[in-house]
């Protein structure tokens, strides 16, 4: 029982240690598209590196989870549509999805290349 609590606390600590810088970067950039693309790029790099689970908790769940913003992206899109800017709203959706997928694949490729260059 105590061991399970230690594992849970350790995971909580790892996620939190990544979430704080992720949230700060999100706040500093104050641009939903930029933080979403940065988050998908970092996520791809981490997954391409095939790092240990604790680093996945720190970077993928903690950092990327706090850095990226689905709700902000949706709200920005709804505001554009409500203001009669349908084309800009649809464009924001398409740009975010297309470039998000590109950023994820690019990050994964970068991560794999780094992993290959440092592996014996």
PDB file of N, CA and C in Angstrom:
ATOM      1  N   UNK A   1       0.829  -1.194   0.000  1.00  0.00           N
ATOM      2  CA  UNK A   1       0.000   0.000   0.000  1.00  0.00           C
ATOM      3  C   UNK A   1       0.874   1.259   0.000  1.00  0.00           C
ATOM      4  N   UNK A   2       1.874   1.285   0.868  1.00  0.00           N
ATOM      5  CA  UNK A   2       2.771   2.440   0.936  1.00  0.00           C
ATOM      6  C   UNK A   2       3.530   2.582  -0.370  1.00  0.00           C
ATOM      7  N   UNK A   3       3.930   1.448  -0.950  1.00  0.00           N
ATOM      8  CA  UNK A   3       4.665   1.478  -2.211  1.00  0.00           C
ATOM      9  C   UNK A   3       3.815   2.082  -3.327  1.00  0.00           C
ATOM     10  N   UNK A   4       2.531   1.750  -3.382  1.00  0.00           N
ATOM     11  CA  UNK A   4       1.630   2.313  -4.378  1.00  0.00           C
ATOM     12  C   UNK A   4       1.508   3.827  -4.221  1.00  0.00           C
ATOM     13  N   UNK A   5       1.470   4.302  -2.975  1.00  0.00           N
ATOM     14  CA  UNK A   5       1.390   5.739  -2.725  1.00  0.00           C
ATOM     15  C   UNK A   5       2.669   6.433  -3.156  1.00  0.00           C
ATOM     16  N   UNK A   6       3.822   5.777  -2.953  1.00  0.00           N
ATOM     17  CA  UNK A   6       5.091   6.355  -3.388  1.00  0.00           C
ATOM     18  C   UNK A   6       5.164   6.437  -4.913  1.00  0.00           C
ATOM     19  N   UNK A   7       4.690   5.404  -5.579  1.00  0.00           N
ATOM     20  CA  UNK A   7       4.670   5.410  -7.043  1.00  0.00           C
ATOM     21  C   UNK A   7       3.742   6.508  -7.544  1.00  0.00           C
ATOM     22  N   UNK A   8       2.592   6.636  -6.937  1.00  0.00           N
ATOM     23  CA  UNK A   8       1.643   7.681  -7.333  1.00  0.00           C
ATOM     24  C   UNK A   8       2.235   9.063  -7.097  1.00  0.00           C
ATOM     25  N   UNK A   9       2.895   9.265  -5.959  1.00  0.00           N
ATOM     26  CA  UNK A   9       3.505  10.566  -5.680  1.00  0.00           C
ATOM     27  C   UNK A   9       4.631  10.852  -6.661  1.00  0.00           C
ATOM     28  N   UNK A  10       5.421   9.828  -6.971  1.00  0.00           N
ATOM     29  CA  UNK A  10       6.520  10.003  -7.916  1.00  0.00           C
ATOM     30  C   UNK A  10       5.980  10.432  -9.284  1.00  0.00           C
ATOM     31  N   UNK A  11       4.932   9.787  -9.737  1.00  0.00           N
ATOM     32  CA  UNK A  11       4.325  10.147 -11.018  1.00  0.00           C
ATOM     33  C   UNK A  11       3.728  11.554 -10.968  1.00  0.00           C
ATOM     34  N   UNK A  12       3.077  11.870  -9.886  1.00  0.00           N
ATOM     35  CA  UNK A  12       2.532  13.210  -9.683  1.00  0.00           C
ATOM     36  C   UNK A  12       3.648  14.253  -9.764  1.00  0.00           C
ATOM     37  N   UNK A  13       4.779  13.964  -9.123  1.00  0.00           N
ATOM     38  CA  UNK A  13       5.933  14.870  -9.138  1.00  0.00           C
ATOM     39  C   UNK A  13       6.473  15.047 -10.555  1.00  0.00           C
ATOM     40  N   UNK A  14       6.605  13.946 -11.303  1.00  0.00           N
ATOM     41  CA  UNK A  14       7.121  14.033 -12.666  1.00  0.00           C
ATOM     42  C   UNK A  14       6.203  14.867 -13.553  1.00  0.00           C
ATOM     43  N   UNK A  15       4.910  14.606 -13.485  1.00  0.00           N
ATOM     44  CA  UNK A  15       3.960  15.368 -14.296  1.00  0.00           C
ATOM     45  C   UNK A  15       4.006  16.850 -13.909  1.00  0.00           C
ATOM     46  N   UNK A  16       3.998  17.132 -12.613  1.00  0.00           N
ATOM     47  CA  UNK A  16       4.035  18.520 -12.138  1.00  0.00           C
ATOM     48  C   UNK A  16       5.299  19.244 -12.537  1.00  0.00           C
ATOM     49  N   UNK A  17       6.430  18.542 -12.520  1.00  0.00           N
ATOM     50  CA  UNK A  17       7.693  19.199 -12.870  1.00  0.00           C
ATOM     51  C   UNK A  17       7.746  19.568 -14.350  1.00  0.00           C
ATOM     52  N   UNK A  18       6.997  18.874 -15.180  1.00  0.00           N
ATOM     53  CA  UNK A  18       6.903  19.262 -16.577  1.00  0.00           C
ATOM     54  C   UNK A  18       5.809  20.282 -16.825  1.00  0.00           C
ATOM     55  N   UNK A  19       4.762  20.239 -16.018  1.00  0.00           N
ATOM     56  CA  UNK A  19       3.614  21.129 -16.223  1.00  0.00           C
ATOM     57  C   UNK A  19       3.943  22.593 -15.947  1.00  0.00           C
ATOM     58  N   UNK A  20       4.766  22.831 -14.949  1.00  0.00           N
ATOM     59  CA  UNK A  20       5.070  24.231 -14.596  1.00  0.00           C
ATOM     60  C   UNK A  20       5.760  24.961 -15.750  1.00  0.00           C
ATOM     61  N   UNK A  21       6.861  24.438 -16.315  1.00  0.00           N
ATOM     62  CA  UNK A  21       7.459  25.163 -17.449  1.00  0.00           C
ATOM     63  C   UNK A  21       6.536  25.192 -18.667  1.00  0.00           C
ATOM     64  N   UNK A  22       5.747  24.136 -18.878  1.00  0.00           N
ATOM     65  CA  UNK A  22       4.808  24.135 -19.998  1.00  0.00           C
ATOM     66  C   UNK A  22       3.785  25.247 -19.874  1.00  0.00           C
ATOM     67  N   UNK A  23       3.239  25.426 -18.685  1.00  0.00           N
ATOM     68  CA  UNK A  23       2.254  26.493 -18.457  1.00  0.00           C
ATOM     69  C   UNK A  23       2.885  27.870 -18.597  1.00  0.00           C
ATOM     70  N   UNK A  24       4.114  28.012 -18.118  1.00  0.00           N
ATOM     71  CA  UNK A  24       4.800  29.305 -18.238  1.00  0.00           C
ATOM     72  C   UNK A  24       5.068  29.665 -19.693  1.00  0.00           C
ATOM     73  N   UNK A  25       5.482  28.688 -20.482  1.00  0.00           N
ATOM     74  CA  UNK A  25       5.719  28.952 -21.906  1.00  0.00           C
ATOM     75  C   UNK A  25       4.412  29.306 -22.602  1.00  0.00           C
ATOM     76  N   UNK A  26       3.357  28.612 -22.245  1.00  0.00           N
ATOM     77  CA  UNK A  26       2.041  28.925 -22.821  1.00  0.00           C
ATOM     78  C   UNK A  26       1.648  30.363 -22.499  1.00  0.00           C
ATOM     79  N   UNK A  27       1.858  30.758 -21.271  1.00  0.00           N
ATOM     80  CA  UNK A  27       1.516  32.111 -20.830  1.00  0.00           C
ATOM     81  C   UNK A  27       2.409  33.152 -21.517  1.00  0.00           C
ATOM     82  N   UNK A  28       3.706  32.865 -21.614  1.00  0.00           N
ATOM     83  CA  UNK A  28       4.640  33.822 -22.226  1.00  0.00           C
ATOM     84  C   UNK A  28       4.379  33.993 -23.718  1.00  0.00           C
ATOM     85  N   UNK A  29       4.121  32.893 -24.429  1.00  0.00           N
ATOM     86  CA  UNK A  29       3.872  32.995 -25.874  1.00  0.00           C
ATOM     87  C   UNK A  29       2.514  33.604 -26.176  1.00  0.00           C
ATOM     88  N   UNK A  30       1.510  33.257 -25.355  1.00  0.00           N
ATOM     89  CA  UNK A  30       0.162  33.807 -25.510  1.00  0.00           C
ATOM     90  C   UNK A  30      -0.339  33.717 -26.955  1.00  0.00           C
ATOM     91  N   UNK A  31      -0.079  32.562 -27.590  1.00  0.00           N
ATOM     92  CA  UNK A  31      -0.501  32.335 -28.965  1.00  0.00           C
ATOM     93  C   UNK A  31      -0.888  30.863 -29.080  1.00  0.00           C
ATOM     94  N   UNK A  32      -2.174  30.591 -29.215  1.00  0.00           N
ATOM     95  CA  UNK A  32      -2.666  29.208 -29.217  1.00  0.00           C
ATOM     96  C   UNK A  32      -2.026  28.369 -30.315  1.00  0.00           C
ATOM     97  N   UNK A  33      -1.922  28.900 -31.509  1.00  0.00           N
ATOM     98  CA  UNK A  33      -1.338  28.139 -32.609  1.00  0.00           C
ATOM     99  C   UNK A  33       0.119  27.801 -32.320  1.00  0.00           C
ATOM    100  N   UNK A  34       0.880  28.768 -31.852  1.00  0.00           N
ATOM    101  CA  UNK A  34       2.301  28.544 -31.571  1.00  0.00           C
ATOM    102  C   UNK A  34       2.510  27.502 -30.475  1.00  0.00           C
ATOM    103  N   UNK A  35       1.742  27.589 -29.390  1.00  0.00           N
ATOM    104  CA  UNK A  35       1.942  26.626 -28.298  1.00  0.00           C
ATOM    105  C   UNK A  35       1.467  25.228 -28.692  1.00  0.00           C
ATOM    106  N   UNK A  36       0.411  25.147 -29.504  1.00  0.00           N
ATOM    107  CA  UNK A  36      -0.057  23.837 -29.939  1.00  0.00           C
ATOM    108  C   UNK A  36       0.960  23.176 -30.874  1.00  0.00           C
ATOM    109  N   UNK A  37       1.559  23.952 -31.757  1.00  0.00           N
ATOM    110  CA  UNK A  37       2.579  23.393 -32.649  1.00  0.00           C
ATOM    111  C   UNK A  37       3.849  23.042 -31.884  1.00  0.00           C
ATOM    112  N   UNK A  38       4.247  23.891 -30.947  1.00  0.00           N
ATOM    113  CA  UNK A  38       5.415  23.584 -30.115  1.00  0.00           C
ATOM    114  C   UNK A  38       5.179  22.308 -29.323  1.00  0.00           C
ATOM    115  N   UNK A  39       3.998  22.188 -28.738  1.00  0.00           N
ATOM    116  CA  UNK A  39       3.671  21.001 -27.951  1.00  0.00           C
ATOM    117  C   UNK A  39       3.686  19.730 -28.775  1.00  0.00           C
ATOM    118  N   UNK A  40       3.147  19.774 -29.987  1.00  0.00           N
ATOM    119  CA  UNK A  40       3.153  18.572 -30.818  1.00  0.00           C
ATOM    120  C   UNK A  40       4.565  18.236 -31.289  1.00  0.00           C
ATOM    121  N   UNK A  41       5.384  19.249 -31.546  1.00  0.00           N
ATOM    122  CA  UNK A  41       6.780  19.009 -31.928  1.00  0.00           C
ATOM    123  C   UNK A  41       7.544  18.337 -30.787  1.00  0.00           C
ATOM    124  N   UNK A  42       7.422  18.885 -29.588  1.00  0.00           N
ATOM    125  CA  UNK A  42       8.093  18.306 -28.417  1.00  0.00           C
ATOM    126  C   UNK A  42       7.592  16.884 -28.167  1.00  0.00           C
ATOM    127  N   UNK A  43       6.295  16.675 -28.270  1.00  0.00           N
ATOM    128  CA  UNK A  43       5.716  15.343 -28.081  1.00  0.00           C
ATOM    129  C   UNK A  43       6.329  14.357 -29.073  1.00  0.00           C
ATOM    130  N   UNK A  44       6.427  14.766 -30.325  1.00  0.00           N
ATOM    131  CA  UNK A  44       7.012  13.905 -31.347  1.00  0.00           C
ATOM    132  C   UNK A  44       8.468  13.587 -31.065  1.00  0.00           C
ATOM    133  N   UNK A  45       9.235  14.590 -30.633  1.00  0.00           N
ATOM    134  CA  UNK A  45      10.647  14.367 -30.310  1.00  0.00           C
ATOM    135  C   UNK A  45      10.779  13.353 -29.178  1.00  0.00           C
ATOM    136  N   UNK A  46      10.016  13.545 -28.128  1.00  0.00           N
ATOM    137  CA  UNK A  46      10.091  12.639 -26.971  1.00  0.00           C
ATOM    138  C   UNK A  46       9.719  11.217 -27.373  1.00  0.00           C
ATOM    139  N   UNK A  47       8.677  11.060 -28.160  1.00  0.00           N
ATOM    140  CA  UNK A  47       8.271   9.726 -28.574  1.00  0.00           C
ATOM    141  C   UNK A  47       9.293   9.123 -29.541  1.00  0.00           C
ATOM    142  N   UNK A  48       9.902   9.951 -30.378  1.00  0.00           N
ATOM    143  CA  UNK A  48      10.946   9.460 -31.277  1.00  0.00           C
ATOM    144  C   UNK A  48      12.194   9.023 -30.536  1.00  0.00           C
ATOM    145  N   UNK A  49      12.474   9.681 -29.429  1.00  0.00           N
ATOM    146  CA  UNK A  49      13.630   9.301 -28.612  1.00  0.00           C
ATOM    147  C   UNK A  49      13.409   7.990 -27.866  1.00  0.00           C
ATOM    148  N   UNK A  50      12.150   7.621 -27.694  1.00  0.00           N
ATOM    149  CA  UNK A  50      11.784   6.404 -26.956  1.00  0.00           C
ATOM    150  C   UNK A  50      12.421   6.400 -25.563  1.00  0.00           C
ATOM    151  N   UNK A  51      12.130   7.444 -24.836  1.00  0.00           N
ATOM    152  CA  UNK A  51      12.696   7.618 -23.501  1.00  0.00           C
ATOM    153  C   UNK A  51      11.920   6.805 -22.471  1.00  0.00           C
ATOM    154  N   UNK A  52      12.468   6.740 -21.292  1.00  0.00           N
ATOM    155  CA  UNK A  52      11.810   6.028 -20.198  1.00  0.00           C
ATOM    156  C   UNK A  52      10.481   6.681 -19.851  1.00  0.00           C
ATOM    157  N   UNK A  53       9.630   5.886 -19.199  1.00  0.00           N
ATOM    158  CA  UNK A  53       8.284   6.324 -18.857  1.00  0.00           C
ATOM    159  C   UNK A  53       8.284   7.614 -18.036  1.00  0.00           C
ATOM    160  N   UNK A  54       9.219   7.755 -17.099  1.00  0.00           N
ATOM    161  CA  UNK A  54       9.234   8.965 -16.263  1.00  0.00           C
ATOM    162  C   UNK A  54       9.454  10.222 -17.110  1.00  0.00           C
ATOM    163  N   UNK A  55      10.264  10.121 -18.169  1.00  0.00           N
ATOM    164  CA  UNK A  55      10.486  11.275 -19.039  1.00  0.00           C
ATOM    165  C   UNK A  55       9.261  11.538 -19.918  1.00  0.00           C
ATOM    166  N   UNK A  56       8.544  10.486 -20.265  1.00  0.00           N
ATOM    167  CA  UNK A  56       7.287  10.677 -20.974  1.00  0.00           C
ATOM    168  C   UNK A  56       6.287  11.411 -20.085  1.00  0.00           C
ATOM    169  N   UNK A  57       6.270  11.063 -18.798  1.00  0.00           N
ATOM    170  CA  UNK A  57       5.391  11.773 -17.858  1.00  0.00           C
ATOM    171  C   UNK A  57       5.758  13.250 -17.773  1.00  0.00           C
ATOM    172  N   UNK A  58       7.058  13.530 -17.669  1.00  0.00           N
ATOM    173  CA  UNK A  58       7.522  14.914 -17.541  1.00  0.00           C
ATOM    174  C   UNK A  58       7.193  15.716 -18.789  1.00  0.00           C
ATOM    175  N   UNK A  59       7.618  15.201 -19.957  1.00  0.00           N
ATOM    176  CA  UNK A  59       7.529  16.003 -21.181  1.00  0.00           C
ATOM    177  C   UNK A  59       6.200  15.871 -21.918  1.00  0.00           C
ATOM    178  N   UNK A  60       5.698  14.660 -22.077  1.00  0.00           N
ATOM    179  CA  UNK A  60       4.461  14.482 -22.854  1.00  0.00           C
ATOM    180  C   UNK A  60       3.221  14.877 -22.056  1.00  0.00           C
ATOM    181  N   UNK A  61       3.097  14.303 -20.866  1.00  0.00           N
ATOM    182  CA  UNK A  61       1.902  14.587 -20.065  1.00  0.00           C
ATOM    183  C   UNK A  61       2.023  15.950 -19.379  1.00  0.00           C
ATOM    184  N   UNK A  62       3.133  16.189 -18.696  1.00  0.00           N
ATOM    185  CA  UNK A  62       3.299  17.428 -17.947  1.00  0.00           C
ATOM    186  C   UNK A  62       3.495  18.639 -18.839  1.00  0.00           C
ATOM    187  N   UNK A  63       4.636  18.678 -19.553  1.00  0.00           N
ATOM    188  CA  UNK A  63       4.978  19.851 -20.356  1.00  0.00           C
ATOM    189  C   UNK A  63       3.979  20.091 -21.485  1.00  0.00           C
ATOM    190  N   UNK A  64       3.800  19.071 -22.349  1.00  0.00           N
ATOM    191  CA  UNK A  64       2.916  19.256 -23.503  1.00  0.00           C
ATOM    192  C   UNK A  64       1.462  19.448 -23.087  1.00  0.00           C
ATOM    193  N   UNK A  65       1.048  18.737 -22.039  1.00  0.00           N
ATOM    194  CA  UNK A  65      -0.322  18.896 -21.560  1.00  0.00           C
ATOM    195  C   UNK A  65      -0.609  20.296 -21.051  1.00  0.00           C
ATOM    196  N   UNK A  66       0.363  20.897 -20.381  1.00  0.00           N
ATOM    197  CA  UNK A  66       0.170  22.249 -19.850  1.00  0.00           C
ATOM    198  C   UNK A  66       0.427  23.320 -20.898  1.00  0.00           C
ATOM    199  N   UNK A  67       1.289  23.012 -21.856  1.00  0.00           N
ATOM    200  CA  UNK A  67       1.657  24.002 -22.873  1.00  0.00           C
ATOM    201  C   UNK A  67       0.566  24.146 -23.942  1.00  0.00           C
ATOM    202  N   UNK A  68       0.031  23.032 -24.386  1.00  0.00           N
ATOM    203  CA  UNK A  68      -0.959  23.082 -25.459  1.00  0.00           C
ATOM    204  C   UNK A  68      -2.333  23.443 -24.912  1.00  0.00           C
ATOM    205  N   UNK A  69      -3.198  23.911 -25.798  1.00  0.00           N
ATOM    206  CA  UNK A  69      -4.497  24.366 -25.337  1.00  0.00           C
ATOM    207  C   UNK A  69      -5.584  24.067 -26.364  1.00  0.00           C
ATOM    208  N   UNK A  70      -6.350  23.037 -26.097  1.00  0.00           N
ATOM    209  CA  UNK A  70      -7.492  22.726 -26.961  1.00  0.00           C
ATOM    210  C   UNK A  70      -8.607  23.742 -26.745  1.00  0.00           C
ATOM    211  N   UNK A  71      -8.885  24.039 -25.502  1.00  0.00           N
ATOM    212  CA  UNK A  71      -9.992  24.954 -25.195  1.00  0.00           C
ATOM    213  C   UNK A  71      -9.732  26.357 -25.747  1.00  0.00           C
ATOM    214  N   UNK A  72      -8.507  26.824 -25.645  1.00  0.00           N
ATOM    215  CA  UNK A  72      -8.174  28.149 -26.183  1.00  0.00           C
ATOM    216  C   UNK A  72      -8.314  28.194 -27.693  1.00  0.00           C
ATOM    217  N   UNK A  73      -7.890  27.117 -28.344  1.00  0.00           N
ATOM    218  CA  UNK A  73      -7.986  27.013 -29.798  1.00  0.00           C
ATOM    219  C   UNK A  73      -9.453  27.014 -30.239  1.00  0.00           C
ATOM    220  N   UNK A  74     -10.279  26.241 -29.560  1.00  0.00           N
ATOM    221  CA  UNK A  74     -11.705  26.187 -29.891  1.00  0.00           C
ATOM    222  C   UNK A  74     -12.357  27.552 -29.647  1.00  0.00           C
ATOM    223  N   UNK A  75     -12.026  28.175 -28.521  1.00  0.00           N
ATOM    224  CA  UNK A  75     -12.606  29.488 -28.206  1.00  0.00           C
ATOM    225  C   UNK A  75     -12.214  30.528 -29.248  1.00  0.00           C
ATOM    226  N   UNK A  76     -10.957  30.519 -29.657  1.00  0.00           N
ATOM    227  CA  UNK A  76     -10.509  31.471 -30.680  1.00  0.00           C
ATOM    228  C   UNK A  76     -11.264  31.241 -31.996  1.00  0.00           C
ATOM    229  N   UNK A  77     -11.479  29.973 -32.348  1.00  0.00           N
ATOM    230  CA  UNK A  77     -12.216  29.639 -33.563  1.00  0.00           C
ATOM    231  C   UNK A  77     -13.666  30.113 -33.463  1.00  0.00           C
ATOM    232  N   UNK A  78     -14.311  29.864 -32.324  1.00  0.00           N
ATOM    233  CA  UNK A  78     -15.701  30.287 -32.124  1.00  0.00           C
ATOM    234  C   UNK A  78     -15.813  31.815 -32.182  1.00  0.00           C
ATOM    235  N   UNK A  79     -14.868  32.512 -31.602  1.00  0.00           N
ATOM    236  CA  UNK A  79     -14.886  33.980 -31.649  1.00  0.00           C
ATOM    237  C   UNK A  79     -14.787  34.487 -33.089  1.00  0.00           C
ATOM    238  N   UNK A  80     -13.929  33.857 -33.885  1.00  0.00           N
ATOM    239  CA  UNK A  80     -13.819  34.255 -35.292  1.00  0.00           C
ATOM    240  C   UNK A  80     -15.143  34.033 -36.019  1.00  0.00           C
ATOM    241  N   UNK A  81     -15.755  32.884 -35.817  1.00  0.00           N
ATOM    242  CA  UNK A  81     -17.032  32.572 -36.473  1.00  0.00           C
ATOM    243  C   UNK A  81     -18.129  33.519 -35.989  1.00  0.00           C
ATOM    244  N   UNK A  82     -18.192  33.777 -34.690  1.00  0.00           N
ATOM    245  CA  UNK A  82     -19.195  34.701 -34.146  1.00  0.00           C
ATOM    246  C   UNK A  82     -19.024  36.115 -34.680  1.00  0.00           C
ATOM    247  N   UNK A  83     -17.800  36.488 -35.008  1.00  0.00           N
ATOM    248  CA  UNK A  83     -17.536  37.815 -35.572  1.00  0.00           C
ATOM    249  C   UNK A  83     -17.749  37.841 -37.081  1.00  0.00           C
ATOM    250  N   UNK A  84     -18.266  36.737 -37.641  1.00  0.00           N
ATOM    251  CA  UNK A  84     -18.546  36.680 -39.071  1.00  0.00           C
ATOM    252  C   UNK A  84     -17.337  36.331 -39.921  1.00  0.00           C
ATOM    253  N   UNK A  85     -16.253  35.950 -39.296  1.00  0.00           N
ATOM    254  CA  UNK A  85     -15.037  35.613 -40.043  1.00  0.00           C
ATOM    255  C   UNK A  85     -14.927  34.089 -40.199  1.00  0.00           C
ATOM    256  N   UNK A  86     -15.865  33.536 -40.955  1.00  0.00           N
ATOM    257  CA  UNK A  86     -15.940  32.092 -41.151  1.00  0.00           C
ATOM    258  C   UNK A  86     -14.675  31.530 -41.792  1.00  0.00           C
ATOM    259  N   UNK A  87     -14.203  32.211 -42.812  1.00  0.00           N
ATOM    260  CA  UNK A  87     -13.024  31.714 -43.528  1.00  0.00           C
ATOM    261  C   UNK A  87     -11.810  31.647 -42.610  1.00  0.00           C
ATOM    262  N   UNK A  88     -11.619  32.675 -41.776  1.00  0.00           N
ATOM    263  CA  UNK A  88     -10.505  32.667 -40.832  1.00  0.00           C
ATOM    264  C   UNK A  88     -10.663  31.554 -39.798  1.00  0.00           C
ATOM    265  N   UNK A  89     -11.896  31.308 -39.355  1.00  0.00           N
ATOM    266  CA  UNK A  89     -12.155  30.245 -38.390  1.00  0.00           C
ATOM    267  C   UNK A  89     -11.851  28.874 -38.962  1.00  0.00           C
ATOM    268  N   UNK A  90     -12.331  28.631 -40.177  1.00  0.00           N
ATOM    269  CA  UNK A  90     -12.057  27.354 -40.835  1.00  0.00           C
ATOM    270  C   UNK A  90     -10.565  27.222 -41.133  1.00  0.00           C
ATOM    271  N   UNK A  91      -9.950  28.326 -41.529  1.00  0.00           N
ATOM    272  CA  UNK A  91      -8.506  28.312 -41.803  1.00  0.00           C
ATOM    273  C   UNK A  91      -7.722  27.971 -40.543  1.00  0.00           C
ATOM    274  N   UNK A  92      -8.122  28.523 -39.414  1.00  0.00           N
ATOM    275  CA  UNK A  92      -7.437  28.230 -38.157  1.00  0.00           C
ATOM    276  C   UNK A  92      -7.540  26.741 -37.819  1.00  0.00           C
ATOM    277  N   UNK A  93      -8.704  26.166 -38.034  1.00  0.00           N
ATOM    278  CA  UNK A  93      -8.877  24.734 -37.787  1.00  0.00           C
ATOM    279  C   UNK A  93      -7.950  23.930 -38.688  1.00  0.00           C
ATOM    280  N   UNK A  94      -7.970  24.220 -39.975  1.00  0.00           N
ATOM    281  CA  UNK A  94      -7.175  23.454 -40.938  1.00  0.00           C
ATOM    282  C   UNK A  94      -5.673  23.632 -40.703  1.00  0.00           C
ATOM    283  N   UNK A  95      -5.252  24.861 -40.476  1.00  0.00           N
ATOM    284  CA  UNK A  95      -3.822  25.133 -40.250  1.00  0.00           C
ATOM    285  C   UNK A  95      -3.334  24.409 -39.006  1.00  0.00           C
ATOM    286  N   UNK A  96      -4.121  24.479 -37.950  1.00  0.00           N
ATOM    287  CA  UNK A  96      -3.714  23.832 -36.701  1.00  0.00           C
ATOM    288  C   UNK A  96      -3.599  22.323 -36.874  1.00  0.00           C
ATOM    289  N   UNK A  97      -4.576  21.723 -37.523  1.00  0.00           N
ATOM    290  CA  UNK A  97      -4.545  20.270 -37.701  1.00  0.00           C
ATOM    291  C   UNK A  97      -3.414  19.852 -38.635  1.00  0.00           C
ATOM    292  N   UNK A  98      -3.318  20.483 -39.787  1.00  0.00           N
ATOM    293  CA  UNK A  98      -2.301  20.092 -40.770  1.00  0.00           C
ATOM    294  C   UNK A  98      -0.898  20.315 -40.225  1.00  0.00           C
ATOM    295  N   UNK A  99      -0.642  21.516 -39.710  1.00  0.00           N
ATOM    296  CA  UNK A  99       0.707  21.793 -39.207  1.00  0.00           C
ATOM    297  C   UNK A  99       0.994  21.052 -37.904  1.00  0.00           C
ATOM    298  N   UNK A 100      -0.052  20.728 -37.131  1.00  0.00           N
ATOM    299  CA  UNK A 100       0.144  19.919 -35.937  1.00  0.00           C
ATOM    300  C   UNK A 100       0.623  18.518 -36.297  1.00  0.00           C
ATOM    301  N   UNK A 101       0.016  17.925 -37.316  1.00  0.00           N
ATOM    302  CA  UNK A 101       0.443  16.602 -37.767  1.00  0.00           C
ATOM    303  C   UNK A 101       1.861  16.666 -38.327  1.00  0.00           C
ATOM    304  N   UNK A 102       2.151  17.699 -39.107  1.00  0.00           N
ATOM    305  CA  UNK A 102       3.510  17.865 -39.644  1.00  0.00           C
ATOM    306  C   UNK A 102       4.515  18.024 -38.506  1.00  0.00           C
ATOM    307  N   UNK A 103       4.175  18.841 -37.510  1.00  0.00           N
ATOM    308  CA  UNK A 103       5.085  19.057 -36.374  1.00  0.00           C
ATOM    309  C   UNK A 103       5.313  17.763 -35.599  1.00  0.00           C
ATOM    310  N   UNK A 104       4.257  16.971 -35.420  1.00  0.00           N
ATOM    311  CA  UNK A 104       4.408  15.702 -34.707  1.00  0.00           C
ATOM    312  C   UNK A 104       5.331  14.751 -35.470  1.00  0.00           C
ATOM    313  N   UNK A 105       5.112  14.605 -36.768  1.00  0.00           N
ATOM    314  CA  UNK A 105       5.983  13.739 -37.573  1.00  0.00           C
ATOM    315  C   UNK A 105       7.413  14.269 -37.611  1.00  0.00           C
ATOM    316  N   UNK A 106       7.569  15.583 -37.756  1.00  0.00           N
ATOM    317  CA  UNK A 106       8.909  16.168 -37.771  1.00  0.00           C
ATOM    318  C   UNK A 106       9.612  15.921 -36.440  1.00  0.00           C
ATOM    319  N   UNK A 107       8.887  16.123 -35.352  1.00  0.00           N
ATOM    320  CA  UNK A 107       9.467  15.873 -34.034  1.00  0.00           C
ATOM    321  C   UNK A 107       9.858  14.422 -33.854  1.00  0.00           C
ATOM    322  N   UNK A 108       8.993  13.516 -34.299  1.00  0.00           N
ATOM    323  CA  UNK A 108       9.301  12.088 -34.194  1.00  0.00           C
ATOM    324  C   UNK A 108      10.555  11.760 -34.998  1.00  0.00           C
ATOM    325  N   UNK A 109      10.657  12.300 -36.202  1.00  0.00           N
ATOM    326  CA  UNK A 109      11.829  12.077 -37.052  1.00  0.00           C
ATOM    327  C   UNK A 109      13.086  12.641 -36.396  1.00  0.00           C
ATOM    328  N   UNK A 110      12.992  13.832 -35.849  1.00  0.00           N
ATOM    329  CA  UNK A 110      14.130  14.448 -35.154  1.00  0.00           C
ATOM    330  C   UNK A 110      14.539  13.588 -33.964  1.00  0.00           C
ATOM    331  N   UNK A 111      13.572  13.155 -33.187  1.00  0.00           N
ATOM    332  CA  UNK A 111      13.854  12.302 -32.038  1.00  0.00           C
ATOM    333  C   UNK A 111      14.535  11.010 -32.436  1.00  0.00           C
ATOM    334  N   UNK A 112      14.048  10.379 -33.506  1.00  0.00           N
ATOM    335  CA  UNK A 112      14.664   9.129 -33.985  1.00  0.00           C
ATOM    336  C   UNK A 112      16.093   9.361 -34.455  1.00  0.00           C
ATOM    337  N   UNK A 113      16.321  10.473 -35.142  1.00  0.00           N
ATOM    338  CA  UNK A 113      17.680  10.798 -35.623  1.00  0.00           C
ATOM    339  C   UNK A 113      18.621  11.038 -34.444  1.00  0.00           C
ATOM    340  N   UNK A 114      18.151  11.742 -33.438  1.00  0.00           N
ATOM    341  CA  UNK A 114      18.968  11.978 -32.244  1.00  0.00           C
ATOM    342  C   UNK A 114      19.272  10.650 -31.572  1.00  0.00           C
ATOM    343  N   UNK A 115      18.268   9.825 -31.404  1.00  0.00           N
ATOM    344  CA  UNK A 115      18.425   8.517 -30.763  1.00  0.00           C
ATOM    345  C   UNK A 115      19.451   7.657 -31.525  1.00  0.00           C
ATOM    346  N   UNK A 116      19.357   7.665 -32.837  1.00  0.00           N
ATOM    347  CA  UNK A 116      20.301   6.887 -33.659  1.00  0.00           C
ATOM    348  C   UNK A 116      21.717   7.429 -33.553  1.00  0.00           C
ATOM    349  N   UNK A 117      21.841   8.756 -33.439  1.00  0.00           N
ATOM    350  CA  UNK A 117      23.189   9.341 -33.383  1.00  0.00           C
ATOM    351  C   UNK A 117      23.876   9.119 -32.043  1.00  0.00           C
ATOM    352  N   UNK A 118      23.114   8.889 -30.960  1.00  0.00           N
ATOM    353  CA  UNK A 118      23.741   8.685 -29.655  1.00  0.00           C
ATOM    354  C   UNK A 118      23.755   7.227 -29.226  1.00  0.00           C
ATOM    355  N   UNK A 119      23.044   6.366 -29.970  1.00  0.00           N
ATOM    356  CA  UNK A 119      23.032   4.931 -29.629  1.00  0.00           C
ATOM    357  C   UNK A 119      24.300   4.277 -30.167  1.00  0.00           C
ATOM    358  N   UNK A 120      24.850   3.343 -29.385  1.00  0.00           N
ATOM    359  CA  UNK A 120      26.071   2.671 -29.854  1.00  0.00           C
ATOM    360  C   UNK A 120      25.813   1.766 -31.041  1.00  0.00           C
TER     361      UNK A 120
END
